[in-house]
């Protein structure tokens, strides 16, 4: 396959400056592309490892360097990304992939990426909805809660209590002064974090990480009998120590945070 290096493409844009710098990212190729070789593939066993999760940061840093050289100051957009190239692996449609998805959104927002486009809405294993049943997959619910709770202003989340816990903080969406903390517990044991304010809690878990079902605060997420969205209310949680279940994704929205950066 003949390729054009990104630097050569960018040189050709110098007379007609870019409005934004976009790139694509896949951390691996799916089993459909075994012909590319074992080194291009990944496994479900690696899905919660730092090696797998950090790949998006490494690739973004590479392209950010090119942006700084050829299009300084232009916004960076990730305009195509999914679990793995060639349609995703079978476990891309399960809750196991939601950790990679949520972590990628948090990491890239912290690295000043303004747009992340997920591939795809309804096709193959990495689609947000099943293309046959049109039912939401776990990544869909993750995207929906991100959109519901996380605004576009990125904040410092503070120190994580463990290497297995990743923290991201944003101003709340449509709530002046409010803050949402995203806490991902990749480990097999429960963790806890201090919370200075009462919050509304949204915790995603699954009884089977490689299954298609996901629980919100202990209740299975599913469309209603009339194909409407279910209620997505949070659980009121007092200030103090908040427990994070093992292998869980938790959004904690603090309306009363009164953060001056969020006004």
Protein backbone atom coordinates (compact mmCIF):
# COMPACT_ATOMS: atom_id res chain seq x y z
CA UNK A 1 0.00 0.00 0.00
CA UNK A 2 1.44 3.34 -1.04
CA UNK A 3 1.16 5.92 1.73
CA UNK A 4 1.56 9.68 1.85
CA UNK A 5 3.39 10.82 5.00
CA UNK A 6 1.44 13.28 7.12
CA UNK A 7 4.28 15.82 6.92
CA UNK A 8 4.09 15.82 3.11
CA UNK A 9 0.34 16.41 3.22
CA UNK A 10 0.81 19.27 5.66
CA UNK A 11 3.47 20.94 3.54
CA UNK A 12 0.94 21.07 0.71
CA UNK A 13 -1.51 23.01 2.93
CA UNK A 14 0.77 25.92 3.69
CA UNK A 15 -0.65 28.14 0.93
CA UNK A 16 -4.22 27.36 2.04
CA UNK A 17 -4.13 27.20 5.86
CA UNK A 18 -6.17 24.60 7.71
CA UNK A 19 -9.18 25.42 9.88
CA UNK A 20 -8.48 22.39 12.06
CA UNK A 21 -6.01 19.51 12.21
CA UNK A 22 -7.66 16.09 12.16
CA UNK A 23 -6.32 12.57 12.46
CA UNK A 24 -7.58 8.99 12.90
CA UNK A 25 -6.61 6.53 15.63
CA UNK A 26 -7.01 2.80 16.20
CA UNK A 27 -4.90 1.15 18.87
CA UNK A 28 -4.76 -2.14 16.98
CA UNK A 29 -6.31 -4.13 14.16
CA UNK A 30 -9.13 -6.56 14.82
CA UNK A 31 -9.01 -10.30 14.26
CA UNK A 32 -10.52 -9.66 10.82
CA UNK A 33 -7.10 -8.30 9.82
CA UNK A 34 -4.94 -11.16 11.07
CA UNK A 35 -3.07 -10.96 7.78
CA UNK A 36 -1.35 -7.84 9.16
CA UNK A 37 0.47 -10.01 11.69
CA UNK A 38 0.19 -10.76 15.40
CA UNK A 39 1.94 -7.52 16.37
CA UNK A 40 -0.99 -5.50 14.98
CA UNK A 41 -3.64 -7.32 17.04
CA UNK A 42 -4.86 -6.99 20.62
CA UNK A 43 -6.80 -9.20 23.02
CA UNK A 44 -9.60 -8.87 25.54
CA UNK A 45 -7.05 -9.73 28.25
CA UNK A 46 -5.19 -6.49 27.45
CA UNK A 47 -8.28 -4.28 27.47
CA UNK A 48 -7.72 -2.85 30.97
CA UNK A 49 -3.94 -2.50 30.80
CA UNK A 50 -2.09 0.79 30.72
CA UNK A 51 -0.29 -0.28 27.55
CA UNK A 52 -3.59 -0.47 25.68
CA UNK A 53 -5.17 2.61 27.26
CA UNK A 54 -2.12 4.86 26.77
CA UNK A 55 -1.80 4.26 23.03
CA UNK A 56 -4.25 7.05 22.21
CA UNK A 57 -2.12 9.54 24.19
CA UNK A 58 1.07 8.49 22.39
CA UNK A 59 -0.47 8.86 18.94
CA UNK A 60 -2.10 12.21 19.82
CA UNK A 61 1.25 13.56 21.00
CA UNK A 62 2.81 12.58 17.67
CA UNK A 63 0.15 14.41 15.67
CA UNK A 64 0.14 17.36 18.04
CA UNK A 65 3.81 17.80 17.22
CA UNK A 66 3.00 17.92 13.51
CA UNK A 67 0.18 20.37 14.20
CA UNK A 68 2.54 22.61 16.15
CA UNK A 69 5.01 22.58 13.27
CA UNK A 70 2.69 23.06 10.30
CA UNK A 71 -0.56 24.49 11.71
CA UNK A 72 0.29 26.14 15.04
CA UNK A 73 -2.67 27.11 17.16
CA UNK A 74 -5.22 25.18 15.12
CA UNK A 75 -7.65 22.92 17.00
CA UNK A 76 -7.03 19.17 16.97
CA UNK A 77 -9.87 16.80 16.08
CA UNK A 78 -9.88 13.01 16.24
CA UNK A 79 -12.31 12.37 13.40
CA UNK A 80 -12.33 8.56 13.48
CA UNK A 81 -11.65 6.15 16.31
CA UNK A 82 -12.93 2.83 17.60
CA UNK A 83 -11.82 -0.25 19.52
CA UNK A 84 -9.75 -1.66 16.65
CA UNK A 85 -9.48 -1.16 12.89
CA UNK A 86 -11.28 -3.53 10.47
CA UNK A 87 -14.58 -3.31 12.32
CA UNK A 88 -13.46 -4.00 15.87
CA UNK A 89 -13.04 -7.28 17.74
CA UNK A 90 -16.02 -9.21 19.12
CA UNK A 91 -15.54 -7.70 22.57
CA UNK A 92 -15.80 -4.16 21.15
CA UNK A 93 -19.58 -4.53 21.52
CA UNK A 94 -19.31 -5.39 25.23
CA UNK A 95 -18.92 -3.45 28.46
CA UNK A 96 -15.21 -4.27 28.46
CA UNK A 97 -14.61 -1.71 25.70
CA UNK A 98 -16.42 1.07 27.58
CA UNK A 99 -13.36 1.53 29.78
CA UNK A 100 -11.17 2.27 26.76
CA UNK A 101 -13.86 4.57 25.31
CA UNK A 102 -14.42 6.63 28.47
CA UNK A 103 -10.70 6.79 29.22
CA UNK A 104 -9.93 7.95 25.68
CA UNK A 105 -12.45 10.78 25.98
CA UNK A 106 -10.91 11.87 29.28
CA UNK A 107 -7.30 11.59 28.14
CA UNK A 108 -7.79 13.44 24.88
CA UNK A 109 -9.81 16.25 26.46
CA UNK A 110 -6.90 16.75 28.86
CA UNK A 111 -4.57 16.86 25.85
CA UNK A 112 -6.73 19.62 24.29
CA UNK A 113 -8.37 17.51 21.58
CA UNK A 114 -11.65 19.30 20.90
CA UNK A 115 -13.60 16.64 18.98
CA UNK A 116 -13.68 12.83 19.17
CA UNK A 117 -15.75 11.00 16.54
CA UNK A 118 -16.49 7.36 17.30
CA UNK A 119 -16.60 4.84 14.47
CA UNK A 120 -19.37 3.94 14.07
CA UNK A 121 -23.02 4.53 14.97
CA UNK A 122 -24.43 1.25 13.63
CA UNK A 123 -22.15 -1.16 11.81
CA UNK A 124 -19.82 -4.00 12.76
CA UNK A 125 -18.62 -4.78 16.29
CA UNK A 126 -17.59 -1.28 17.33
CA UNK A 127 -20.93 0.36 16.48
CA UNK A 128 -22.64 2.22 19.31
CA UNK A 129 -25.91 0.45 18.47
CA UNK A 130 -26.50 -3.03 17.06
CA UNK A 131 -27.09 -2.71 13.33
CA UNK A 132 -29.62 -5.59 13.33
CA UNK A 133 -31.67 -4.98 16.49
CA UNK A 134 -30.93 -1.22 16.73
CA UNK A 135 -30.52 -1.68 20.49
CA UNK A 136 -27.92 0.40 22.35
CA UNK A 137 -24.63 -1.27 23.21
CA UNK A 138 -22.59 -0.49 26.36
CA UNK A 139 -20.48 2.17 24.59
CA UNK A 140 -23.70 3.99 23.69
CA UNK A 141 -24.67 4.35 27.35
CA UNK A 142 -21.14 5.51 28.16
CA UNK A 143 -21.32 8.18 25.45
CA UNK A 144 -24.76 9.27 26.63
CA UNK A 145 -23.65 9.73 30.24
CA UNK A 146 -20.55 11.61 29.12
CA UNK A 147 -22.73 13.97 27.09
CA UNK A 148 -25.21 14.34 29.95
CA UNK A 149 -22.67 15.14 32.66
CA UNK A 150 -19.37 16.37 31.18
CA UNK A 151 -18.97 19.86 29.76
CA UNK A 152 -16.11 21.13 27.59
CA UNK A 153 -14.00 22.88 30.25
CA UNK A 154 -11.32 20.51 31.60
CA UNK A 155 -10.29 20.72 35.26
CA UNK A 156 -7.61 19.19 37.49
CA UNK A 157 -9.17 16.07 39.11
CA UNK A 158 -6.59 15.78 41.87
CA UNK A 159 -4.47 12.76 42.76
CA UNK A 160 -5.74 9.26 42.14
CA UNK A 161 -5.72 6.86 45.12
CA UNK A 162 -4.38 4.01 42.99
CA UNK A 163 -2.73 3.22 39.66
CA UNK A 164 -5.87 1.27 38.81
CA UNK A 165 -8.07 4.37 39.15
CA UNK A 166 -8.09 7.10 36.50
CA UNK A 167 -9.72 10.43 37.34
CA UNK A 168 -10.96 13.16 34.97
CA UNK A 169 -12.84 16.33 35.88
CA UNK A 170 -14.85 18.74 33.75
CA UNK A 171 -17.26 21.54 34.36
CA UNK A 172 -20.81 20.19 34.32
CA UNK A 173 -22.83 20.62 31.18
CA UNK A 174 -25.46 23.40 31.46
CA UNK A 175 -24.88 23.87 35.19
CA UNK A 176 -22.89 27.03 36.05
CA UNK A 177 -20.36 26.34 38.79
CA UNK A 178 -21.00 22.61 38.69
CA UNK A 179 -18.26 19.98 38.35
CA UNK A 180 -18.36 16.34 37.23
CA UNK A 181 -15.67 13.88 38.24
CA UNK A 182 -15.23 10.76 36.11
CA UNK A 183 -13.65 7.88 38.05
CA UNK A 184 -12.67 4.68 36.25
CA UNK A 185 -11.69 1.73 38.42
CA UNK A 186 -9.89 -0.78 36.21
CA UNK A 187 -8.93 -3.04 39.12
CA UNK A 188 -10.50 -6.15 40.58
CA UNK A 189 -10.89 -4.62 44.04
CA UNK A 190 -13.01 -1.76 45.29
CA UNK A 191 -11.43 1.66 45.74
CA UNK A 192 -12.54 4.88 47.44
CA UNK A 193 -12.02 8.57 46.73
CA UNK A 194 -12.74 11.67 48.84
CA UNK A 195 -15.59 13.92 47.66
CA UNK A 196 -15.78 17.46 49.06
CA UNK A 197 -19.34 18.06 47.89
CA UNK A 198 -22.62 16.12 47.72
CA UNK A 199 -23.04 14.65 44.26
CA UNK A 200 -25.35 12.85 41.92
CA UNK A 201 -23.81 9.47 41.18
CA UNK A 202 -23.97 7.47 37.92
CA UNK A 203 -22.09 4.16 38.19
CA UNK A 204 -21.83 1.74 35.26
CA UNK A 205 -21.04 -1.90 36.02
CA UNK A 206 -21.71 -5.31 34.47
CA UNK A 207 -22.10 -8.81 35.82
CA UNK A 208 -20.17 -9.99 32.76
CA UNK A 209 -17.49 -7.67 31.37
CA UNK A 210 -17.67 -9.37 27.98
CA UNK A 211 -21.45 -9.25 27.84
CA UNK A 212 -23.76 -6.78 26.13
CA UNK A 213 -25.67 -5.78 29.26
CA UNK A 214 -24.70 -2.85 31.48
CA UNK A 215 -26.08 -1.67 34.83
CA UNK A 216 -26.60 1.93 35.91
CA UNK A 217 -26.50 2.15 39.71
CA UNK A 218 -27.43 -1.53 39.84
CA UNK A 219 -30.32 -1.43 37.33
CA UNK A 220 -30.02 -2.86 33.82
CA UNK A 221 -30.07 -0.18 31.14
CA UNK A 222 -32.53 -0.92 28.36
CA UNK A 223 -35.08 0.83 26.19
CA UNK A 224 -38.66 0.84 27.47
CA UNK A 225 -41.42 -1.31 25.97
CA UNK A 226 -42.20 1.61 23.64
CA UNK A 227 -38.52 1.99 22.63
CA UNK A 228 -38.08 5.17 24.65
CA UNK A 229 -34.97 5.99 26.67
CA UNK A 230 -35.06 4.85 30.31
CA UNK A 231 -34.63 7.36 33.15
CA UNK A 232 -30.97 8.23 33.64
CA UNK A 233 -31.19 9.72 37.10
CA UNK A 234 -28.25 9.74 39.47
CA UNK A 235 -28.21 8.54 43.07
CA UNK A 236 -27.85 11.37 45.63
CA UNK A 237 -24.52 10.83 47.38
CA UNK A 238 -23.32 12.78 50.45
CA UNK A 239 -19.86 14.33 50.69
CA UNK A 240 -17.09 12.27 52.17
CA UNK A 241 -15.61 9.00 50.98
CA UNK A 242 -17.16 7.50 47.84
CA UNK A 243 -16.68 3.83 47.04
CA UNK A 244 -15.81 2.78 43.50
CA UNK A 245 -16.76 -0.82 42.73
CA UNK A 246 -14.22 -2.99 40.97
CA UNK A 247 -14.22 -2.62 37.15
CA UNK A 248 -16.64 0.28 37.18
CA UNK A 249 -17.16 3.64 35.48
CA UNK A 250 -18.56 6.37 37.73
CA UNK A 251 -19.67 9.92 36.95
CA UNK A 252 -20.10 12.13 40.04
CA UNK A 253 -21.85 15.44 39.31
CA UNK A 254 -21.55 18.18 41.95
CA UNK A 255 -24.01 20.98 41.20
CA UNK A 256 -22.98 22.96 44.26
CA UNK A 257 -19.24 22.96 43.61
CA UNK A 258 -19.26 26.69 42.76
CA UNK A 259 -16.08 26.31 40.73
CA UNK A 260 -15.15 29.75 39.35
CA UNK A 261 -13.78 28.19 36.14
CA UNK A 262 -17.24 26.79 35.39
CA UNK A 263 -19.23 30.06 35.25
